[in-house]
Amino acid sequence: MSAYYSSETTIKNKLSASRINMYGDKDRDGELDPETLTQALIYAKQQILMRLEARFGAQCDDWTDVTVPDALRNLSDDLTIYYLATGANAVNEIVKLNYEIAIDVLNEMRDGLLSLPGVSDYESGTEIVTANSESIYSAEADEDASTAYDDDI
């Protein structure tokens, strides 16, 4: 497995120092344990790959915590935090809600209900990008969309 989608920095940007110690400092030395963090990062990436690799293909494995689309990095952070919190038996309502939202969003991406801006859909080869908050679709996607309601006419 290549690089992770989250990093220690992205996790520390979302959690207070006391939460980091509560969730990931198993040996109580005041620092996030590297092994614990690594296991959480692996868990988050696996959750994402299990849902999205079939749709987005090998490009998923090329992403790192720097190059992964922001939407996935944020979801990965929430999954990583959830893993850390469950290991410490310290899941609160916010951590649980963020986890559930992350899983729901990933499932909707997997099922084609949500797109991932700037990422090619492996199955159709259609690239969907976002520019200035407007979606731009390839000609193939436009053609598909224009005939989607033909049966209803």
N, C-alpha and C. Protein backbone atom coordinates (compact mmCIF):
# COMPACT_ATOMS: atom_id res chain seq x y z
N MET A 1 0.86 -1.17 0.00
CA MET A 1 0.00 0.00 0.00
C MET A 1 0.90 1.23 0.00
N SER A 2 0.57 2.15 -0.87
CA SER A 2 1.38 3.36 -0.97
C SER A 2 1.03 4.34 0.14
N ALA A 3 1.41 5.57 -0.05
CA ALA A 3 1.23 6.61 0.96
C ALA A 3 -0.22 6.71 1.42
N TYR A 4 -0.39 7.29 2.59
CA TYR A 4 -1.71 7.43 3.18
C TYR A 4 -2.37 8.71 2.69
N TYR A 5 -3.67 8.82 2.93
CA TYR A 5 -4.42 9.99 2.49
C TYR A 5 -4.45 11.09 3.56
N SER A 6 -4.18 10.74 4.78
CA SER A 6 -4.09 11.70 5.88
C SER A 6 -2.66 11.68 6.39
N SER A 7 -2.35 12.59 7.27
CA SER A 7 -1.02 12.63 7.87
C SER A 7 -1.15 13.06 9.32
N GLU A 8 -0.07 12.94 10.05
CA GLU A 8 -0.07 13.40 11.43
C GLU A 8 -0.45 14.88 11.50
N THR A 9 0.03 15.66 10.54
CA THR A 9 -0.28 17.09 10.51
C THR A 9 -1.76 17.33 10.31
N THR A 10 -2.39 16.63 9.37
CA THR A 10 -3.81 16.86 9.13
C THR A 10 -4.66 16.43 10.32
N ILE A 11 -4.23 15.38 11.00
CA ILE A 11 -4.96 14.93 12.20
C ILE A 11 -4.78 15.94 13.33
N LYS A 12 -3.57 16.42 13.52
CA LYS A 12 -3.32 17.40 14.58
C LYS A 12 -4.03 18.72 14.31
N ASN A 13 -4.29 19.02 13.04
CA ASN A 13 -5.05 20.23 12.72
C ASN A 13 -6.52 20.11 13.10
N LYS A 14 -7.01 18.90 13.24
CA LYS A 14 -8.42 18.68 13.58
C LYS A 14 -8.66 18.39 15.05
N LEU A 15 -7.65 17.96 15.76
CA LEU A 15 -7.82 17.56 17.15
C LEU A 15 -7.00 18.43 18.10
N SER A 16 -7.52 18.64 19.27
CA SER A 16 -6.74 19.34 20.30
C SER A 16 -5.66 18.39 20.82
N ALA A 17 -4.66 18.97 21.45
CA ALA A 17 -3.56 18.16 22.01
C ALA A 17 -4.10 17.16 23.03
N SER A 18 -5.09 17.57 23.81
CA SER A 18 -5.63 16.65 24.82
C SER A 18 -6.36 15.47 24.17
N ARG A 19 -7.06 15.74 23.07
CA ARG A 19 -7.74 14.64 22.36
C ARG A 19 -6.72 13.70 21.72
N ILE A 20 -5.68 14.27 21.13
CA ILE A 20 -4.63 13.44 20.53
C ILE A 20 -4.04 12.52 21.58
N ASN A 21 -3.76 13.06 22.76
CA ASN A 21 -3.21 12.23 23.83
C ASN A 21 -4.21 11.19 24.30
N MET A 22 -5.48 11.58 24.38
CA MET A 22 -6.51 10.63 24.82
C MET A 22 -6.65 9.50 23.80
N TYR A 23 -6.64 9.84 22.51
CA TYR A 23 -6.90 8.85 21.47
C TYR A 23 -5.68 8.03 21.06
N GLY A 24 -4.52 8.68 20.95
CA GLY A 24 -3.41 8.00 20.31
C GLY A 24 -2.12 7.86 21.10
N ASP A 25 -2.14 8.23 22.35
CA ASP A 25 -0.93 8.12 23.17
C ASP A 25 -1.07 6.93 24.11
N LYS A 26 -0.90 5.74 23.55
CA LYS A 26 -1.11 4.52 24.32
C LYS A 26 -0.06 4.32 25.41
N ASP A 27 1.18 4.77 25.16
CA ASP A 27 2.22 4.58 26.17
C ASP A 27 2.34 5.78 27.12
N ARG A 28 1.48 6.76 26.97
CA ARG A 28 1.37 7.93 27.84
C ARG A 28 2.68 8.69 28.02
N ASP A 29 3.38 8.88 26.87
CA ASP A 29 4.61 9.68 26.91
C ASP A 29 4.37 11.11 26.43
N GLY A 30 3.11 11.46 26.17
CA GLY A 30 2.78 12.80 25.74
C GLY A 30 2.81 13.02 24.24
N GLU A 31 3.07 11.96 23.48
CA GLU A 31 3.14 12.05 22.02
C GLU A 31 2.22 11.01 21.39
N LEU A 32 1.72 11.35 20.21
CA LEU A 32 0.94 10.41 19.42
C LEU A 32 1.84 9.24 19.05
N ASP A 33 1.43 8.02 19.37
CA ASP A 33 2.26 6.85 19.09
C ASP A 33 2.30 6.58 17.59
N PRO A 34 3.51 6.48 17.00
CA PRO A 34 3.61 6.26 15.56
C PRO A 34 2.91 4.99 15.08
N GLU A 35 3.00 3.91 15.85
CA GLU A 35 2.36 2.65 15.43
C GLU A 35 0.85 2.78 15.43
N THR A 36 0.32 3.45 16.44
CA THR A 36 -1.12 3.64 16.53
C THR A 36 -1.60 4.51 15.38
N LEU A 37 -0.88 5.58 15.09
CA LEU A 37 -1.25 6.45 13.99
C LEU A 37 -1.18 5.69 12.67
N THR A 38 -0.13 4.90 12.47
CA THR A 38 0.01 4.15 11.22
C THR A 38 -1.17 3.20 11.03
N GLN A 39 -1.57 2.51 12.08
CA GLN A 39 -2.71 1.60 11.97
C GLN A 39 -3.99 2.36 11.62
N ALA A 40 -4.17 3.54 12.20
CA ALA A 40 -5.35 4.36 11.91
C ALA A 40 -5.33 4.85 10.46
N LEU A 41 -4.16 5.25 9.97
CA LEU A 41 -4.03 5.72 8.59
C LEU A 41 -4.30 4.59 7.60
N ILE A 42 -3.82 3.39 7.92
CA ILE A 42 -4.07 2.22 7.07
C ILE A 42 -5.58 1.93 7.03
N TYR A 43 -6.20 1.96 8.19
CA TYR A 43 -7.64 1.71 8.28
C TYR A 43 -8.42 2.70 7.40
N ALA A 44 -8.10 3.98 7.51
CA ALA A 44 -8.82 5.00 6.74
C ALA A 44 -8.64 4.78 5.24
N LYS A 45 -7.42 4.52 4.82
CA LYS A 45 -7.17 4.32 3.39
C LYS A 45 -7.89 3.07 2.89
N GLN A 46 -7.89 2.01 3.68
CA GLN A 46 -8.58 0.79 3.28
C GLN A 46 -10.07 1.01 3.12
N GLN A 47 -10.66 1.78 4.03
CA GLN A 47 -12.10 2.07 3.94
C GLN A 47 -12.41 2.81 2.64
N ILE A 48 -11.54 3.74 2.26
CA ILE A 48 -11.73 4.50 1.03
C ILE A 48 -11.53 3.61 -0.19
N LEU A 49 -10.45 2.85 -0.21
CA LEU A 49 -10.16 1.99 -1.36
C LEU A 49 -11.24 0.93 -1.56
N MET A 50 -11.73 0.34 -0.48
CA MET A 50 -12.77 -0.69 -0.61
C MET A 50 -13.99 -0.14 -1.33
N ARG A 51 -14.26 1.13 -1.16
CA ARG A 51 -15.45 1.71 -1.75
C ARG A 51 -15.21 2.36 -3.11
N LEU A 52 -14.02 2.92 -3.31
CA LEU A 52 -13.83 3.76 -4.50
C LEU A 52 -12.91 3.21 -5.57
N GLU A 53 -12.09 2.23 -5.27
CA GLU A 53 -11.11 1.76 -6.24
C GLU A 53 -11.76 1.20 -7.50
N ALA A 54 -12.88 0.50 -7.36
CA ALA A 54 -13.54 -0.04 -8.55
C ALA A 54 -14.05 1.07 -9.46
N ARG A 55 -14.44 2.18 -8.88
CA ARG A 55 -14.96 3.29 -9.69
C ARG A 55 -13.85 4.17 -10.25
N PHE A 56 -12.83 4.47 -9.46
CA PHE A 56 -11.82 5.42 -9.88
C PHE A 56 -10.49 4.78 -10.28
N GLY A 57 -10.36 3.48 -10.14
CA GLY A 57 -9.21 2.76 -10.65
C GLY A 57 -7.91 3.00 -9.90
N ALA A 58 -6.82 2.72 -10.62
CA ALA A 58 -5.48 2.75 -10.03
C ALA A 58 -5.05 4.13 -9.58
N GLN A 59 -5.69 5.19 -10.08
CA GLN A 59 -5.30 6.53 -9.64
C GLN A 59 -5.45 6.69 -8.13
N CYS A 60 -6.33 5.91 -7.51
CA CYS A 60 -6.49 5.96 -6.05
C CYS A 60 -5.18 5.63 -5.34
N ASP A 61 -4.43 4.68 -5.91
CA ASP A 61 -3.19 4.26 -5.26
C ASP A 61 -2.05 5.25 -5.47
N ASP A 62 -2.20 6.15 -6.43
CA ASP A 62 -1.16 7.15 -6.69
C ASP A 62 -1.27 8.36 -5.78
N TRP A 63 -2.40 8.55 -5.14
CA TRP A 63 -2.59 9.71 -4.27
C TRP A 63 -1.79 9.58 -2.99
N THR A 64 -1.35 10.71 -2.47
CA THR A 64 -0.69 10.80 -1.17
C THR A 64 -1.48 11.80 -0.33
N ASP A 65 -1.04 12.03 0.89
CA ASP A 65 -1.73 13.01 1.73
C ASP A 65 -1.66 14.42 1.13
N VAL A 66 -0.73 14.64 0.20
CA VAL A 66 -0.60 15.94 -0.46
C VAL A 66 -1.42 16.00 -1.74
N THR A 67 -1.46 14.91 -2.50
CA THR A 67 -2.10 14.93 -3.82
C THR A 67 -3.54 14.41 -3.83
N VAL A 68 -3.98 13.79 -2.76
CA VAL A 68 -5.35 13.27 -2.71
C VAL A 68 -6.33 14.44 -2.81
N PRO A 69 -7.44 14.26 -3.51
CA PRO A 69 -8.44 15.33 -3.54
C PRO A 69 -8.85 15.73 -2.12
N ASP A 70 -9.04 17.04 -1.92
CA ASP A 70 -9.35 17.56 -0.59
C ASP A 70 -10.53 16.86 0.06
N ALA A 71 -11.55 16.57 -0.73
CA ALA A 71 -12.74 15.91 -0.18
C ALA A 71 -12.37 14.56 0.45
N LEU A 72 -11.50 13.81 -0.22
CA LEU A 72 -11.10 12.51 0.33
C LEU A 72 -10.17 12.66 1.52
N ARG A 73 -9.32 13.67 1.50
CA ARG A 73 -8.43 13.90 2.65
C ARG A 73 -9.27 14.16 3.90
N ASN A 74 -10.29 14.98 3.76
CA ASN A 74 -11.14 15.28 4.90
C ASN A 74 -11.87 14.04 5.40
N LEU A 75 -12.35 13.22 4.48
CA LEU A 75 -13.00 11.97 4.87
C LEU A 75 -12.00 11.03 5.54
N SER A 76 -10.81 10.96 4.99
CA SER A 76 -9.75 10.13 5.57
C SER A 76 -9.40 10.58 6.98
N ASP A 77 -9.32 11.89 7.17
CA ASP A 77 -9.05 12.41 8.51
C ASP A 77 -10.12 11.94 9.50
N ASP A 78 -11.39 12.05 9.10
CA ASP A 78 -12.48 11.63 9.99
C ASP A 78 -12.45 10.14 10.27
N LEU A 79 -12.10 9.33 9.28
CA LEU A 79 -11.99 7.89 9.49
C LEU A 79 -10.80 7.55 10.39
N THR A 80 -9.70 8.27 10.21
CA THR A 80 -8.51 8.07 11.04
C THR A 80 -8.82 8.42 12.50
N ILE A 81 -9.46 9.54 12.71
CA ILE A 81 -9.82 9.97 14.07
C ILE A 81 -10.76 8.96 14.71
N TYR A 82 -11.72 8.46 13.95
CA TYR A 82 -12.64 7.46 14.48
C TYR A 82 -11.87 6.21 14.94
N TYR A 83 -10.94 5.75 14.11
CA TYR A 83 -10.15 4.58 14.48
C TYR A 83 -9.38 4.84 15.77
N LEU A 84 -8.74 6.00 15.86
CA LEU A 84 -7.99 6.34 17.07
C LEU A 84 -8.91 6.37 18.29
N ALA A 85 -10.08 6.97 18.13
CA ALA A 85 -11.02 7.10 19.25
C ALA A 85 -11.57 5.75 19.68
N THR A 86 -11.85 4.86 18.72
CA THR A 86 -12.36 3.54 19.10
C THR A 86 -11.31 2.74 19.85
N GLY A 87 -10.06 2.89 19.45
CA GLY A 87 -8.98 2.19 20.15
C GLY A 87 -8.80 2.65 21.58
N ALA A 88 -9.19 3.87 21.84
CA ALA A 88 -9.09 4.42 23.20
C ALA A 88 -10.42 4.34 23.94
N ASN A 89 -11.42 3.70 23.30
CA ASN A 89 -12.76 3.61 23.88
C ASN A 89 -13.28 5.00 24.26
N ALA A 90 -13.10 5.96 23.32
CA ALA A 90 -13.44 7.35 23.61
C ALA A 90 -14.22 8.00 22.46
N VAL A 91 -15.09 7.23 21.82
CA VAL A 91 -15.87 7.78 20.71
C VAL A 91 -16.97 8.67 21.29
N ASN A 92 -16.95 9.94 20.90
CA ASN A 92 -18.03 10.84 21.32
C ASN A 92 -19.00 11.02 20.15
N GLU A 93 -20.05 11.77 20.37
CA GLU A 93 -21.08 11.93 19.34
C GLU A 93 -20.56 12.59 18.07
N ILE A 94 -19.65 13.56 18.20
CA ILE A 94 -19.11 14.26 17.03
C ILE A 94 -18.24 13.32 16.21
N VAL A 95 -17.39 12.57 16.87
CA VAL A 95 -16.53 11.61 16.16
C VAL A 95 -17.39 10.57 15.45
N LYS A 96 -18.40 10.08 16.14
CA LYS A 96 -19.29 9.07 15.55
C LYS A 96 -20.06 9.65 14.36
N LEU A 97 -20.60 10.86 14.49
CA LEU A 97 -21.33 11.49 13.40
C LEU A 97 -20.43 11.74 12.20
N ASN A 98 -19.21 12.24 12.42
CA ASN A 98 -18.28 12.47 11.32
C ASN A 98 -17.91 11.17 10.61
N TYR A 99 -17.75 10.10 11.37
CA TYR A 99 -17.48 8.78 10.79
C TYR A 99 -18.66 8.33 9.92
N GLU A 100 -19.86 8.43 10.45
CA GLU A 100 -21.04 8.00 9.70
C GLU A 100 -21.22 8.81 8.42
N ILE A 101 -20.99 10.11 8.50
CA ILE A 101 -21.07 10.96 7.31
C ILE A 101 -20.01 10.55 6.29
N ALA A 102 -18.79 10.30 6.76
CA ALA A 102 -17.70 9.90 5.86
C ALA A 102 -18.06 8.61 5.12
N ILE A 103 -18.57 7.63 5.84
CA ILE A 103 -18.94 6.35 5.22
C ILE A 103 -20.09 6.56 4.24
N ASP A 104 -21.08 7.36 4.61
CA ASP A 104 -22.21 7.63 3.71
C ASP A 104 -21.74 8.31 2.43
N VAL A 105 -20.86 9.30 2.56
CA VAL A 105 -20.36 10.02 1.38
C VAL A 105 -19.56 9.06 0.48
N LEU A 106 -18.71 8.24 1.08
CA LEU A 106 -17.95 7.27 0.28
C LEU A 106 -18.88 6.29 -0.44
N ASN A 107 -19.91 5.84 0.23
CA ASN A 107 -20.86 4.92 -0.41
C ASN A 107 -21.60 5.61 -1.56
N GLU A 108 -21.93 6.88 -1.38
CA GLU A 108 -22.60 7.61 -2.46
C GLU A 108 -21.65 7.85 -3.63
N MET A 109 -20.37 8.08 -3.35
CA MET A 109 -19.38 8.19 -4.43
C MET A 109 -19.26 6.86 -5.16
N ARG A 110 -19.16 5.80 -4.40
CA ARG A 110 -19.06 4.46 -4.99
C ARG A 110 -20.24 4.16 -5.89
N ASP A 111 -21.43 4.54 -5.46
CA ASP A 111 -22.65 4.24 -6.19
C ASP A 111 -22.94 5.23 -7.31
N GLY A 112 -22.05 6.21 -7.50
CA GLY A 112 -22.22 7.17 -8.58
C GLY A 112 -23.19 8.29 -8.27
N LEU A 113 -23.62 8.42 -7.03
CA LEU A 113 -24.54 9.48 -6.65
C LEU A 113 -23.82 10.80 -6.40
N LEU A 114 -22.54 10.72 -6.09
CA LEU A 114 -21.68 11.89 -5.92
C LEU A 114 -20.45 11.71 -6.79
N SER A 115 -19.96 12.82 -7.33
CA SER A 115 -18.73 12.76 -8.12
C SER A 115 -17.57 13.23 -7.25
N LEU A 116 -16.39 13.04 -7.78
CA LEU A 116 -15.19 13.51 -7.12
C LEU A 116 -14.53 14.48 -8.08
N PRO A 117 -14.68 15.78 -7.85
CA PRO A 117 -14.18 16.79 -8.79
C PRO A 117 -12.72 16.57 -9.17
N GLY A 118 -12.46 16.63 -10.48
CA GLY A 118 -11.11 16.50 -10.99
C GLY A 118 -10.61 15.08 -11.16
N VAL A 119 -11.47 14.10 -10.91
CA VAL A 119 -11.05 12.70 -10.95
C VAL A 119 -11.83 11.97 -12.03
N SER A 120 -11.11 11.20 -12.87
CA SER A 120 -11.76 10.44 -13.93
C SER A 120 -12.47 9.23 -13.35
N ASP A 121 -13.65 8.97 -13.86
CA ASP A 121 -14.39 7.78 -13.50
C ASP A 121 -13.79 6.63 -14.29
N TYR A 122 -13.26 5.64 -13.63
CA TYR A 122 -12.56 4.53 -14.26
C TYR A 122 -13.46 3.77 -15.23
N GLU A 123 -14.72 3.54 -14.83
CA GLU A 123 -15.61 2.73 -15.66
C GLU A 123 -15.98 3.41 -16.97
N SER A 124 -16.28 4.72 -16.92
CA SER A 124 -16.74 5.39 -18.14
C SER A 124 -15.63 6.16 -18.82
N GLY A 125 -14.54 6.44 -18.08
CA GLY A 125 -13.47 7.26 -18.64
C GLY A 125 -13.86 8.73 -18.72
N THR A 126 -15.01 9.08 -18.19
CA THR A 126 -15.48 10.45 -18.23
C THR A 126 -14.83 11.23 -17.09
N GLU A 127 -14.16 12.31 -17.45
CA GLU A 127 -13.54 13.13 -16.42
C GLU A 127 -14.48 14.26 -16.05
N ILE A 128 -14.69 14.39 -14.77
CA ILE A 128 -15.54 15.46 -14.27
C ILE A 128 -14.64 16.39 -13.47
N VAL A 129 -14.60 17.64 -13.86
CA VAL A 129 -13.77 18.62 -13.16
C VAL A 129 -14.62 19.78 -12.72
N THR A 130 -14.15 20.47 -11.73
CA THR A 130 -14.86 21.64 -11.25
C THR A 130 -13.98 22.85 -11.48
N ALA A 131 -14.54 23.86 -12.10
CA ALA A 131 -13.83 25.11 -12.33
C ALA A 131 -14.77 26.25 -11.97
N ASN A 132 -14.32 27.12 -11.10
CA ASN A 132 -15.15 28.26 -10.68
C ASN A 132 -16.52 27.81 -10.19
N SER A 133 -16.55 26.73 -9.43
CA SER A 133 -17.78 26.19 -8.84
C SER A 133 -18.79 25.69 -9.86
N GLU A 134 -18.40 25.52 -11.12
CA GLU A 134 -19.30 24.97 -12.13
C GLU A 134 -18.73 23.64 -12.61
N SER A 135 -19.59 22.65 -12.72
CA SER A 135 -19.13 21.36 -13.23
C SER A 135 -19.02 21.42 -14.74
N ILE A 136 -17.97 20.85 -15.27
CA ILE A 136 -17.75 20.78 -16.70
C ILE A 136 -17.63 19.30 -17.04
N TYR A 137 -18.49 18.83 -17.94
CA TYR A 137 -18.50 17.42 -18.30
C TYR A 137 -17.98 17.24 -19.70
N SER A 138 -17.46 16.08 -19.97
CA SER A 138 -17.02 15.77 -21.32
C SER A 138 -18.23 15.67 -22.24
N ALA A 139 -17.99 15.67 -23.53
CA ALA A 139 -19.08 15.58 -24.51
C ALA A 139 -19.87 14.29 -24.31
N GLU A 140 -19.18 13.20 -23.95
CA GLU A 140 -19.87 11.93 -23.73
C GLU A 140 -20.86 12.04 -22.58
N ALA A 141 -20.48 12.71 -21.52
CA ALA A 141 -21.38 12.87 -20.38
C ALA A 141 -22.57 13.74 -20.76
N ASP A 142 -22.34 14.81 -21.55
CA ASP A 142 -23.42 15.67 -22.00
C ASP A 142 -24.41 14.88 -22.84
N GLU A 143 -23.90 14.03 -23.73
CA GLU A 143 -24.77 13.22 -24.59
C GLU A 143 -25.62 12.28 -23.76
N ASP A 144 -24.99 11.64 -22.76
CA ASP A 144 -25.73 10.73 -21.88
C ASP A 144 -26.81 11.48 -21.13
N ALA A 145 -26.49 12.66 -20.63
CA ALA A 145 -27.44 13.44 -19.85
C ALA A 145 -28.61 13.90 -20.72
N SER A 146 -28.32 14.25 -21.98
CA SER A 146 -29.39 14.77 -22.84
C SER A 146 -30.39 13.69 -23.24
N THR A 147 -30.01 12.43 -23.15
CA THR A 147 -30.92 11.35 -23.52
C THR A 147 -31.49 10.62 -22.30
N ALA A 148 -31.13 11.07 -21.10
CA ALA A 148 -31.52 10.37 -19.89
C ALA A 148 -33.03 10.32 -19.69
N TYR A 149 -33.77 11.34 -20.14
CA TYR A 149 -35.21 11.41 -19.91
C TYR A 149 -36.03 11.11 -21.15
N ASP A 150 -35.40 10.61 -22.21
CA ASP A 150 -36.11 10.35 -23.46
C ASP A 150 -37.30 9.42 -23.26
N ASP A 151 -37.18 8.46 -22.39
CA ASP A 151 -38.27 7.50 -22.18
C ASP A 151 -39.49 8.15 -21.54
N ASP A 152 -39.28 9.27 -20.86
CA ASP A 152 -40.38 9.94 -20.19
C ASP A 152 -41.18 10.88 -21.08
N ILE A 153 -40.70 11.12 -22.30
CA ILE A 153 -41.36 12.08 -23.19
C ILE A 153 -42.49 11.44 -23.95
